[in-house]
Amino acid sequence: MSKIYILHENPEWVTPLHAAFEKRGIQAEEWLLDEGSVAFDTPPPAGVFYNRMSASSHTRGHRFAPELTHAVLNWLTLHGRRVVNGPRALYLEVSKVAQYAALQAAGIRTPRTRVAVGRDAVVEAARSFAPAPFILKPNRGGKGLGVRLFSTAEEAEAYLASDEAAGEAPIDGLWLIQDYIRSPEPFITRCEFVDGRFHYAVRVETGGSFELCPADVCAIDKKPNSSAPAVNFTITGDVDCALIASYERFLRANEIEIAGIEFIRDANGQVFTYDVNTNTNYNADAERKAHLAETGMEAIARFLSSELDALLETSQEIIAAE
């Protein structure tokens, strides 16, 4: 019997999705890919497979979860299974450099960025940004972890020599040195897409923090021990239609069906897109306050259910034809 399978490494992020499935009377099976094996010499089960692998998996001790998921996705693709957010989506999820290349290829503006490996190379690249503030961040990140703001190359050099930097070093060795976009107001905007179509946008008031994970569990993690400022999420309609259309074209070109895309406006009103999350989460409090007809997870559950229905209908037609 065909079913929906959820590929992931963090059960806490899947709980709201299960609740959305239960409202539709559907049960989905989880494939926890923090470790395991792939029977590449046998066919996978029939069904709809939803990839929710996260770039931040290594921060939860699941260093090789994306690599295992890559093997699973290729196995599923080999056998023609219906995969939502397949190998291309995972490739972009775990690499900011790949994201920026794909965004720029789609005509979408990203912040000026340089990539470096090694302390000396990072400091040298940072000198080309100074004295203007610049951001240092890992190529494979997640939740804004490891993102730092500096005003001088010397500040960055001192940080890179510290124990703190050693603990935040990029898992793939790639540091990104990037323009700091000055916004007249302290917020960014995250656009959510389901089935490749715009669902809603959320205004995220940063409070000076780069840790912008919208999931409820992230907010819980920050209390009571974290000194990070509160991050507020508000559903908004203040998004340019042309920008949304460009994002939808970008998603189609890169075979991404479910995603959150984040952008910021500078003082001149120019939009800079800086992050693509193919493992998207939603802020339940913001959704409740907005009185949405359909939450993000409910939209995903509806979309995946419709894909399963289409798969079952096709299977029945094949059986009838035989």
Protein backbone atom coordinates (compact mmCIF):
# COMPACT_ATOMS: atom_id res chain seq x y z
CA MET A 1 0.00 0.00 0.00
CA SER A 2 1.38 3.39 -1.00
CA LYS A 3 1.80 5.95 1.75
CA ILE A 4 3.51 9.22 2.60
CA TYR A 5 7.04 9.01 3.95
CA ILE A 6 8.81 11.85 5.79
CA LEU A 7 12.60 11.85 5.49
CA HIS A 8 14.24 13.80 8.31
CA GLU A 9 16.65 13.81 11.28
CA ASN A 10 14.81 15.87 13.92
CA PRO A 11 11.56 14.38 15.28
CA GLU A 12 10.63 17.59 17.13
CA TRP A 13 10.20 19.44 13.84
CA VAL A 14 7.91 16.73 12.45
CA THR A 15 5.36 16.79 15.30
CA PRO A 16 3.29 19.70 13.86
CA LEU A 17 3.19 17.98 10.47
CA HIS A 18 1.82 14.79 12.01
CA ALA A 19 -0.91 16.89 13.66
CA ALA A 20 -1.83 18.33 10.27
CA PHE A 21 -2.00 14.84 8.77
CA GLU A 22 -4.22 13.64 11.60
CA LYS A 23 -6.74 16.38 10.77
CA ARG A 24 -7.01 14.79 7.33
CA GLY A 25 -7.23 11.27 8.73
CA ILE A 26 -3.85 10.30 7.29
CA GLN A 27 -0.85 8.66 8.92
CA ALA A 28 2.61 9.27 7.50
CA GLU A 29 5.63 7.09 8.14
CA GLU A 30 8.90 8.66 9.32
CA TRP A 31 12.29 7.68 7.98
CA LEU A 32 14.76 8.96 10.57
CA LEU A 33 17.99 9.40 8.64
CA ASP A 34 20.43 10.34 11.39
CA GLU A 35 22.12 6.99 10.59
CA GLY A 36 21.28 3.79 8.76
CA SER A 37 21.80 2.03 5.43
CA VAL A 38 20.32 2.01 1.94
CA ALA A 39 19.39 -1.25 0.19
CA PHE A 40 20.48 0.08 -3.19
CA ASP A 41 20.10 -3.37 -4.79
CA THR A 42 16.36 -3.54 -4.03
CA PRO A 43 13.48 -1.23 -4.99
CA PRO A 44 12.03 1.17 -2.38
CA PRO A 45 8.37 0.95 -1.36
CA ALA A 46 5.76 2.79 -3.36
CA GLY A 47 4.62 6.15 -2.07
CA VAL A 48 5.23 9.88 -1.84
CA PHE A 49 8.52 10.82 -0.19
CA TYR A 50 8.96 14.24 1.43
CA ASN A 51 12.55 15.28 2.15
CA ARG A 52 12.90 17.45 5.28
CA MET A 53 16.64 17.06 5.82
CA SER A 54 18.21 20.10 7.48
CA ALA A 55 21.53 21.87 6.95
CA SER A 56 21.81 22.22 10.74
CA SER A 57 21.70 18.47 11.39
CA HIS A 58 25.34 18.45 12.54
CA THR A 59 24.42 20.77 15.42
CA ARG A 60 22.27 17.92 16.79
CA GLY A 61 25.03 15.33 16.45
CA HIS A 62 23.85 14.06 13.05
CA ARG A 63 26.95 14.94 11.06
CA PHE A 64 26.34 12.66 8.09
CA ALA A 65 22.54 12.78 7.91
CA PRO A 66 22.54 14.92 4.72
CA GLU A 67 24.97 12.51 3.05
CA LEU A 68 22.79 9.53 3.96
CA THR A 69 19.71 11.41 2.72
CA HIS A 70 21.51 12.14 -0.55
CA ALA A 71 22.01 8.40 -1.03
CA VAL A 72 18.34 7.71 -0.20
CA LEU A 73 17.09 10.39 -2.59
CA ASN A 74 19.20 9.03 -5.43
CA TRP A 75 17.86 5.55 -4.68
CA LEU A 76 14.29 6.81 -4.79
CA THR A 77 14.90 8.78 -7.98
CA LEU A 78 16.51 5.77 -9.66
CA HIS A 79 13.30 3.82 -9.15
CA GLY A 80 11.00 6.63 -10.26
CA ARG A 81 9.42 7.32 -6.88
CA ARG A 82 7.54 10.58 -6.27
CA VAL A 83 9.96 12.72 -4.29
CA VAL A 84 9.14 16.19 -2.95
CA ASN A 85 12.32 18.26 -2.56
CA GLY A 86 14.69 15.81 -4.19
CA PRO A 87 18.47 15.77 -4.70
CA ARG A 88 18.66 19.29 -6.12
CA ALA A 89 16.77 20.72 -3.15
CA LEU A 90 19.08 18.96 -0.71
CA TYR A 91 22.13 20.23 -2.60
CA LEU A 92 20.95 23.82 -2.13
CA GLU A 93 19.87 23.23 1.48
CA VAL A 94 23.38 22.36 2.62
CA SER A 95 25.32 24.98 0.64
CA LYS A 96 24.86 28.75 0.77
CA VAL A 97 27.29 29.06 -2.14
CA ALA A 98 25.08 26.82 -4.25
CA GLN A 99 22.05 28.87 -3.22
CA TYR A 100 23.64 32.15 -4.27
CA ALA A 101 24.76 30.73 -7.61
CA ALA A 102 21.24 29.42 -8.32
CA LEU A 103 19.58 32.66 -7.16
CA GLN A 104 21.86 34.81 -9.29
CA ALA A 105 21.29 32.52 -12.28
CA ALA A 106 17.58 33.24 -11.82
CA GLY A 107 18.24 37.00 -11.83
CA ILE A 108 17.71 37.39 -8.07
CA ARG A 109 20.02 39.79 -6.21
CA THR A 110 22.11 38.38 -3.35
CA PRO A 111 24.58 40.14 -1.03
CA ARG A 112 28.17 40.52 -2.26
CA THR A 113 29.92 37.38 -1.04
CA ARG A 114 33.38 35.85 -1.03
CA VAL A 115 34.26 32.29 -0.05
CA ALA A 116 37.41 31.24 1.77
CA VAL A 117 39.01 28.23 3.43
CA GLY A 118 41.61 28.78 6.14
CA ARG A 119 42.14 31.62 8.61
CA ASP A 120 44.57 33.63 6.48
CA ALA A 121 42.34 33.42 3.42
CA VAL A 122 39.31 34.53 5.43
CA VAL A 123 41.15 37.53 6.87
CA GLU A 124 42.44 38.51 3.44
CA ALA A 125 38.93 38.35 2.01
CA ALA A 126 37.60 40.34 4.97
CA ARG A 127 40.03 43.17 4.23
CA SER A 128 38.27 43.78 0.92
CA PHE A 129 35.03 44.51 2.84
CA ALA A 130 36.42 46.66 5.66
CA PRO A 131 35.93 49.27 7.00
CA ALA A 132 32.25 48.66 6.21
CA PRO A 133 30.61 46.06 8.49
CA PHE A 134 30.59 42.55 7.08
CA ILE A 135 29.19 39.19 8.05
CA LEU A 136 31.15 35.99 8.54
CA LYS A 137 29.12 32.80 8.36
CA PRO A 138 29.46 29.10 7.55
CA ASN A 139 28.52 27.77 4.14
CA ARG A 140 26.52 24.96 5.74
CA GLY A 141 24.67 26.55 8.60
CA GLY A 142 21.09 26.52 9.81
CA LYS A 143 19.02 28.66 12.19
CA GLY A 144 21.56 31.49 11.79
CA LEU A 145 24.07 29.62 13.92
CA GLY A 146 27.67 30.76 13.64
CA VAL A 147 26.81 34.04 11.90
CA ARG A 148 28.95 36.95 13.13
CA LEU A 149 29.05 40.68 12.40
CA PHE A 150 32.41 42.49 12.26
CA SER A 151 33.57 46.03 11.49
CA THR A 152 37.23 45.27 10.77
CA ALA A 153 39.36 42.45 9.45
CA GLU A 154 41.30 42.56 12.71
CA GLU A 155 38.14 41.78 14.68
CA ALA A 156 37.49 38.79 12.44
CA GLU A 157 41.10 37.65 12.77
CA ALA A 158 40.89 37.75 16.57
CA TYR A 159 37.63 35.80 16.49
CA LEU A 160 39.08 33.13 14.17
CA ALA A 161 41.94 32.58 16.61
CA SER A 162 39.54 32.00 19.51
CA ASP A 163 38.17 28.78 20.98
CA GLU A 164 34.70 30.07 20.19
CA ALA A 165 35.45 30.13 16.47
CA ALA A 166 36.82 26.61 16.66
CA GLY A 167 33.46 25.48 18.03
CA GLU A 168 31.57 27.29 15.28
CA ALA A 169 33.85 26.35 12.37
CA PRO A 170 31.99 25.40 9.16
CA ILE A 171 31.41 21.68 8.91
CA ASP A 172 32.56 21.77 5.26
CA GLY A 173 35.43 24.21 5.88
CA LEU A 174 33.90 27.02 3.80
CA TRP A 175 33.57 30.46 5.37
CA LEU A 176 31.43 33.09 3.65
CA ILE A 177 32.42 36.75 3.96
CA GLN A 178 29.43 38.87 3.02
CA ASP A 179 28.19 42.45 2.88
CA TYR A 180 26.15 43.47 5.89
CA ILE A 181 22.90 44.85 4.51
CA ARG A 182 21.80 47.86 6.53
CA SER A 183 18.04 47.86 6.82
CA PRO A 184 16.21 51.01 8.03
CA GLU A 185 14.15 48.74 10.29
CA PRO A 186 15.39 45.67 12.20
CA PHE A 187 13.45 42.99 10.36
CA ILE A 188 13.75 40.52 7.50
CA THR A 189 10.98 38.87 5.49
CA ARG A 190 10.54 35.17 4.93
CA CYS A 191 8.31 33.97 2.08
CA GLU A 192 6.81 30.51 2.41
CA PHE A 193 6.00 28.31 -0.58
CA VAL A 194 4.08 25.04 -0.80
CA ASP A 195 3.70 23.14 -4.08
CA GLY A 196 5.98 25.77 -5.57
CA ARG A 197 3.40 28.49 -4.93
CA PHE A 198 3.41 31.37 -2.49
CA HIS A 199 1.55 30.60 0.73
CA TYR A 200 2.31 33.60 2.93
CA ALA A 201 5.09 35.90 4.11
CA VAL A 202 6.23 36.47 7.66
CA ARG A 203 8.01 39.53 9.00
CA VAL A 204 10.76 38.53 11.40
CA GLU A 205 11.89 41.22 13.83
CA THR A 206 15.44 40.20 14.53
CA GLY A 207 16.27 42.17 17.66
CA GLY A 208 19.89 42.09 16.56
CA SER A 209 20.02 38.28 16.41
CA PHE A 210 20.88 36.11 13.42
CA GLU A 211 19.17 33.04 14.92
CA LEU A 212 15.83 33.23 13.14
CA CYS A 213 14.45 29.69 13.35
CA PRO A 214 10.63 30.02 13.36
CA ALA A 215 9.83 26.62 14.89
CA ASP A 216 8.31 26.62 18.37
CA VAL A 217 11.01 24.25 19.62
CA CYS A 218 13.68 26.82 18.70
CA ALA A 219 11.97 29.40 20.89
CA ILE A 220 11.85 26.89 23.73
CA ASP A 221 15.54 26.15 23.25
CA LYS A 222 16.33 29.84 23.83
CA LYS A 223 14.66 29.90 27.25
CA PRO A 224 15.67 30.39 29.97
CA ASN A 225 19.42 29.97 29.46
CA SER A 226 19.97 31.93 26.26
CA SER A 227 20.90 35.60 26.27
CA ALA A 228 19.83 35.99 22.63
CA PRO A 229 17.21 38.70 22.08
CA ALA A 230 13.62 37.70 21.39
CA VAL A 231 12.67 37.20 17.76
CA ASN A 232 9.12 38.16 16.78
CA PHE A 233 7.21 36.68 13.85
CA THR A 234 4.23 38.42 12.19
CA ILE A 235 2.35 37.34 9.05
CA THR A 236 2.46 40.19 6.53
CA GLY A 237 1.09 41.06 3.11
CA ASP A 238 3.84 43.58 2.34
CA VAL A 239 5.64 41.63 -0.40
CA ASP A 240 6.08 42.69 -4.01
CA CYS A 241 4.21 40.46 -6.48
CA ALA A 242 7.08 40.59 -8.99
CA LEU A 243 9.48 39.31 -6.32
CA ILE A 244 7.13 36.45 -5.49
CA ALA A 245 6.90 35.54 -9.17
CA SER A 246 10.70 35.49 -9.45
CA TYR A 247 10.92 33.21 -6.41
CA GLU A 248 8.36 30.82 -7.89
CA ARG A 249 10.36 30.66 -11.15
CA PHE A 250 13.52 30.01 -9.15
CA LEU A 251 11.85 27.16 -7.26
CA ARG A 252 10.58 25.54 -10.47
CA ALA A 253 14.00 25.80 -12.09
CA ASN A 254 15.60 24.05 -9.11
CA GLU A 255 12.92 21.38 -8.52
CA ILE A 256 12.01 22.72 -5.08
CA GLU A 257 8.37 22.41 -4.06
CA ILE A 258 8.38 23.40 -0.38
CA ALA A 259 10.64 26.17 0.89
CA GLY A 260 11.07 29.38 2.82
CA ILE A 261 13.08 32.16 1.16
CA GLU A 262 14.42 35.07 3.20
CA PHE A 263 15.20 38.61 2.04
CA ILE A 264 16.07 42.01 3.46
CA ARG A 265 15.67 45.56 2.12
CA ASP A 266 18.44 48.13 2.42
CA ALA A 267 17.98 51.86 3.06
CA ASN A 268 17.42 52.43 -0.68
CA GLY A 269 14.66 49.85 -0.86
CA GLN A 270 16.77 47.32 -2.75
CA VAL A 271 15.93 43.68 -1.97
CA PHE A 272 18.70 41.20 -1.19
CA THR A 273 17.85 37.51 -0.96
CA TYR A 274 20.21 35.66 1.35
CA ASP A 275 18.77 32.29 2.37
CA VAL A 276 16.74 29.39 0.98
CA ASN A 277 15.34 26.87 3.47
CA THR A 278 14.08 23.67 1.86
CA ASN A 279 13.41 22.23 5.32
CA THR A 280 10.95 24.92 6.31
CA ASN A 281 9.26 25.36 9.69
CA TYR A 282 6.47 27.71 10.73
CA ASN A 283 5.75 29.85 13.74
CA ALA A 284 2.48 28.63 15.23
CA ASP A 285 1.91 31.78 17.29
CA ALA A 286 2.17 34.03 14.23
CA GLU A 287 -0.20 31.77 12.31
CA ARG A 288 -2.78 31.84 15.13
CA LYS A 289 -2.64 35.64 15.39
CA ALA A 290 -3.16 35.96 11.63
CA HIS A 291 -6.26 33.68 11.74
CA LEU A 292 -5.07 31.83 8.66
CA ALA A 293 -7.51 29.61 6.83
CA GLU A 294 -4.69 27.11 6.42
CA THR A 295 -1.41 26.94 8.32
CA GLY A 296 1.86 26.09 6.67
CA MET A 297 1.87 22.49 7.90
CA GLU A 298 -1.77 22.07 6.90
CA ALA A 299 -0.90 23.27 3.41
CA ILE A 300 1.94 20.74 3.23
CA ALA A 301 -0.36 17.95 4.45
CA ARG A 302 -2.95 18.88 1.82
CA PHE A 303 -0.34 19.00 -0.94
CA LEU A 304 1.25 15.67 -0.04
CA SER A 305 -2.18 14.06 0.37
CA SER A 306 -3.15 15.21 -3.12
CA GLU A 307 0.09 13.79 -4.51
CA LEU A 308 -0.66 10.46 -2.83
CA ASP A 309 -4.20 10.47 -4.25
CA ALA A 310 -2.81 11.10 -7.73
CA LEU A 311 -0.32 8.26 -7.30
CA LEU A 312 -3.03 5.84 -6.16
CA GLU A 313 -5.30 6.87 -9.03
CA THR A 314 -2.54 6.24 -11.54
CA SER A 315 -1.83 2.83 -9.99
CA GLN A 316 -5.51 1.86 -10.24
CA GLU A 317 -5.60 2.92 -13.88
CA ILE A 318 -2.59 0.76 -14.64
CA ILE A 319 -4.17 -2.23 -12.90
CA ALA A 320 -7.44 -1.70 -14.78
CA ALA A 321 -5.59 -1.52 -18.09
CA GLU A 322 -3.90 -4.83 -17.41
